[in-house]
């Protein structure tokens, strides 16, 4: 990482298309906190009481508050934008299938694995999974646009 003139941190450029191949993977881990859920609710406007109200959530099938599905899914963006393919890639699409709830205090591991590289179109497809203690809670597929290596002048 390098610092820019305004004090922000730059990760540099991630992988180039030519450096990627099926099977490559990267992960991030995050423990979901009450502050995360409340901040996500404020940012997104999703103030569904199943996320914010203990008494309300106690009366649901979950029995306690759950994290927003898209908060969990945002961990895919963390992997893709910072690790694989990394800085410089552009999200084109993301599917998500929610398999189980995520509770406050759960440690979520998001893993993205390259399943296909389309060198002609400059696209990379990745299988994405969020898991808790090895159990998938969210699965999906991402399609990313990835830069080619710069050509020498």
Protein backbone atom coordinates (compact mmCIF):
# COMPACT_ATOMS: atom_id res chain seq x y z
CA UNK A 1 0.00 0.00 0.00
CA UNK A 2 1.10 3.52 -0.70
CA UNK A 3 -0.17 6.86 0.55
CA UNK A 4 -1.46 9.47 -1.85
CA UNK A 5 -1.01 13.26 -1.56
CA UNK A 6 -4.36 13.61 0.23
CA UNK A 7 -3.42 10.99 2.84
CA UNK A 8 -5.60 8.22 1.46
CA UNK A 9 -4.18 4.74 1.05
CA UNK A 10 -3.78 3.22 -2.40
CA UNK A 11 -3.64 -0.54 -2.89
CA UNK A 12 -2.01 -0.23 -6.30
CA UNK A 13 -3.33 -2.20 -9.25
CA UNK A 14 -4.64 -5.71 -8.76
CA UNK A 15 -4.21 -8.64 -11.10
CA UNK A 16 -4.31 -8.13 -14.84
CA UNK A 17 -6.41 -10.41 -17.03
CA UNK A 18 -3.35 -12.28 -18.28
CA UNK A 19 -2.36 -13.16 -14.69
CA UNK A 20 -5.65 -14.87 -13.84
CA UNK A 21 -6.64 -18.51 -14.19
CA UNK A 22 -9.43 -20.80 -13.00
CA UNK A 23 -8.93 -22.08 -9.46
CA UNK A 24 -7.31 -18.93 -8.06
CA UNK A 25 -9.10 -17.83 -4.89
CA UNK A 26 -9.01 -15.24 -2.13
CA UNK A 27 -10.90 -14.73 1.12
CA UNK A 28 -11.68 -12.17 3.79
CA UNK A 29 -13.03 -12.76 7.28
CA UNK A 30 -15.23 -10.41 9.33
CA UNK A 31 -17.10 -10.74 12.60
CA UNK A 32 -20.46 -9.01 12.19
CA UNK A 33 -21.12 -6.49 14.97
CA UNK A 34 -24.17 -4.61 16.18
CA UNK A 35 -22.49 -1.42 14.93
CA UNK A 36 -22.09 -2.97 11.45
CA UNK A 37 -25.80 -3.81 11.30
CA UNK A 38 -26.91 -0.39 12.56
CA UNK A 39 -24.52 1.45 10.22
CA UNK A 40 -25.68 -0.63 7.24
CA UNK A 41 -29.32 0.12 8.15
CA UNK A 42 -28.57 3.84 8.26
CA UNK A 43 -26.63 3.77 4.97
CA UNK A 44 -29.07 1.59 3.06
CA UNK A 45 -32.31 2.81 4.59
CA UNK A 46 -33.29 -0.82 5.30
CA UNK A 47 -34.59 -0.41 8.84
CA UNK A 48 -36.54 -3.67 8.90
CA UNK A 49 -36.98 -4.42 12.63
CA UNK A 50 -35.73 -8.00 12.16
CA UNK A 51 -32.31 -6.35 11.93
CA UNK A 52 -32.68 -3.67 14.61
CA UNK A 53 -35.27 -4.63 17.25
CA UNK A 54 -34.56 -7.49 19.66
CA UNK A 55 -38.20 -7.85 20.74
CA UNK A 56 -39.49 -7.90 17.17
CA UNK A 57 -36.81 -10.38 16.05
CA UNK A 58 -37.59 -12.68 19.00
CA UNK A 59 -41.02 -13.25 17.44
CA UNK A 60 -39.61 -14.32 14.06
CA UNK A 61 -38.39 -17.70 12.85
CA UNK A 62 -34.84 -16.50 13.56
CA UNK A 63 -35.55 -15.84 17.28
CA UNK A 64 -33.00 -13.02 17.36
CA UNK A 65 -31.76 -10.17 15.16
CA UNK A 66 -30.10 -11.05 11.88
CA UNK A 67 -27.67 -9.13 9.70
CA UNK A 68 -28.87 -7.74 6.39
CA UNK A 69 -28.25 -10.17 3.54
CA UNK A 70 -26.62 -7.44 1.50
CA UNK A 71 -24.27 -6.61 4.39
CA UNK A 72 -23.04 -10.19 4.20
CA UNK A 73 -22.93 -10.01 0.39
CA UNK A 74 -20.86 -6.83 0.58
CA UNK A 75 -17.98 -9.03 1.74
CA UNK A 76 -17.81 -10.37 -1.83
CA UNK A 77 -17.10 -6.81 -2.95
CA UNK A 78 -14.31 -6.62 -0.38
CA UNK A 79 -12.62 -9.73 -1.80
CA UNK A 80 -13.13 -8.73 -5.43
CA UNK A 81 -12.12 -5.09 -5.07
CA UNK A 82 -9.10 -5.56 -2.83
CA UNK A 83 -7.70 -9.06 -3.46
CA UNK A 84 -8.94 -10.98 -6.51
CA UNK A 85 -9.02 -9.62 -9.16
CA UNK A 86 -8.27 -6.61 -6.94
CA UNK A 87 -7.99 -2.86 -7.47
CA UNK A 88 -8.90 -1.72 -10.97
CA UNK A 89 -11.52 -4.42 -11.64
CA UNK A 90 -15.12 -3.42 -12.35
CA UNK A 91 -18.20 -5.29 -11.10
CA UNK A 92 -20.58 -6.24 -13.91
CA UNK A 93 -22.98 -8.55 -12.08
CA UNK A 94 -23.50 -10.56 -8.90
CA UNK A 95 -26.02 -13.26 -8.10
CA UNK A 96 -26.79 -14.16 -4.49
CA UNK A 97 -28.68 -17.07 -2.96
CA UNK A 98 -29.25 -16.74 0.79
CA UNK A 99 -28.95 -20.14 2.48
CA UNK A 100 -28.94 -19.36 6.22
CA UNK A 101 -29.15 -16.33 8.54
CA UNK A 102 -26.15 -14.40 9.80
CA UNK A 103 -26.37 -13.29 13.42
CA UNK A 104 -24.55 -10.53 15.25
CA UNK A 105 -21.29 -12.01 16.52
CA UNK A 106 -20.94 -14.51 13.65
CA UNK A 107 -17.57 -14.65 11.92
CA UNK A 108 -18.23 -14.71 8.18
CA UNK A 109 -15.59 -15.87 5.71
CA UNK A 110 -16.15 -14.69 2.13
CA UNK A 111 -14.28 -16.64 -0.53
CA UNK A 112 -14.24 -15.96 -4.26
CA UNK A 113 -12.80 -18.52 -6.67
CA UNK A 114 -12.18 -17.93 -10.37
CA UNK A 115 -14.27 -20.34 -12.43
CA UNK A 116 -13.68 -18.89 -15.91
CA UNK A 117 -11.52 -16.32 -17.70
CA UNK A 118 -12.79 -14.89 -21.00
CA UNK A 119 -9.67 -13.36 -22.54
CA UNK A 120 -11.54 -12.21 -25.64
CA UNK A 121 -14.06 -10.11 -23.68
CA UNK A 122 -11.79 -9.24 -20.74
CA UNK A 123 -14.18 -10.85 -18.25
CA UNK A 124 -13.66 -13.10 -15.23
CA UNK A 125 -16.35 -15.22 -13.57
CA UNK A 126 -15.98 -16.13 -9.90
CA UNK A 127 -17.89 -18.46 -7.62
CA UNK A 128 -18.58 -16.62 -4.35
CA UNK A 129 -19.38 -18.20 -0.98
CA UNK A 130 -19.85 -16.73 2.49
CA UNK A 131 -19.60 -19.30 5.25
CA UNK A 132 -19.77 -19.51 9.01
CA UNK A 133 -17.75 -22.31 10.64
CA UNK A 134 -17.48 -23.95 7.22
CA UNK A 135 -21.24 -23.85 6.52
CA UNK A 136 -22.33 -21.82 3.47
CA UNK A 137 -24.77 -19.03 4.34
CA UNK A 138 -24.61 -17.18 1.00
CA UNK A 139 -23.62 -18.36 -2.46
CA UNK A 140 -23.38 -16.52 -5.73
CA UNK A 141 -21.50 -15.76 -8.89
CA UNK A 142 -19.71 -12.56 -9.86
CA UNK A 143 -18.78 -11.29 -13.30
CA UNK A 144 -15.91 -8.82 -13.36
CA UNK A 145 -14.28 -6.72 -16.05
CA UNK A 146 -10.49 -6.87 -15.67
CA UNK A 147 -7.79 -4.72 -17.33
CA UNK A 148 -5.25 -6.21 -19.67
CA UNK A 149 -1.56 -5.56 -19.00
CA UNK A 150 -0.45 -2.21 -20.41
CA UNK A 151 1.48 -2.46 -23.64
CA UNK A 152 4.95 -0.93 -23.78
CA UNK A 153 5.20 2.18 -25.92
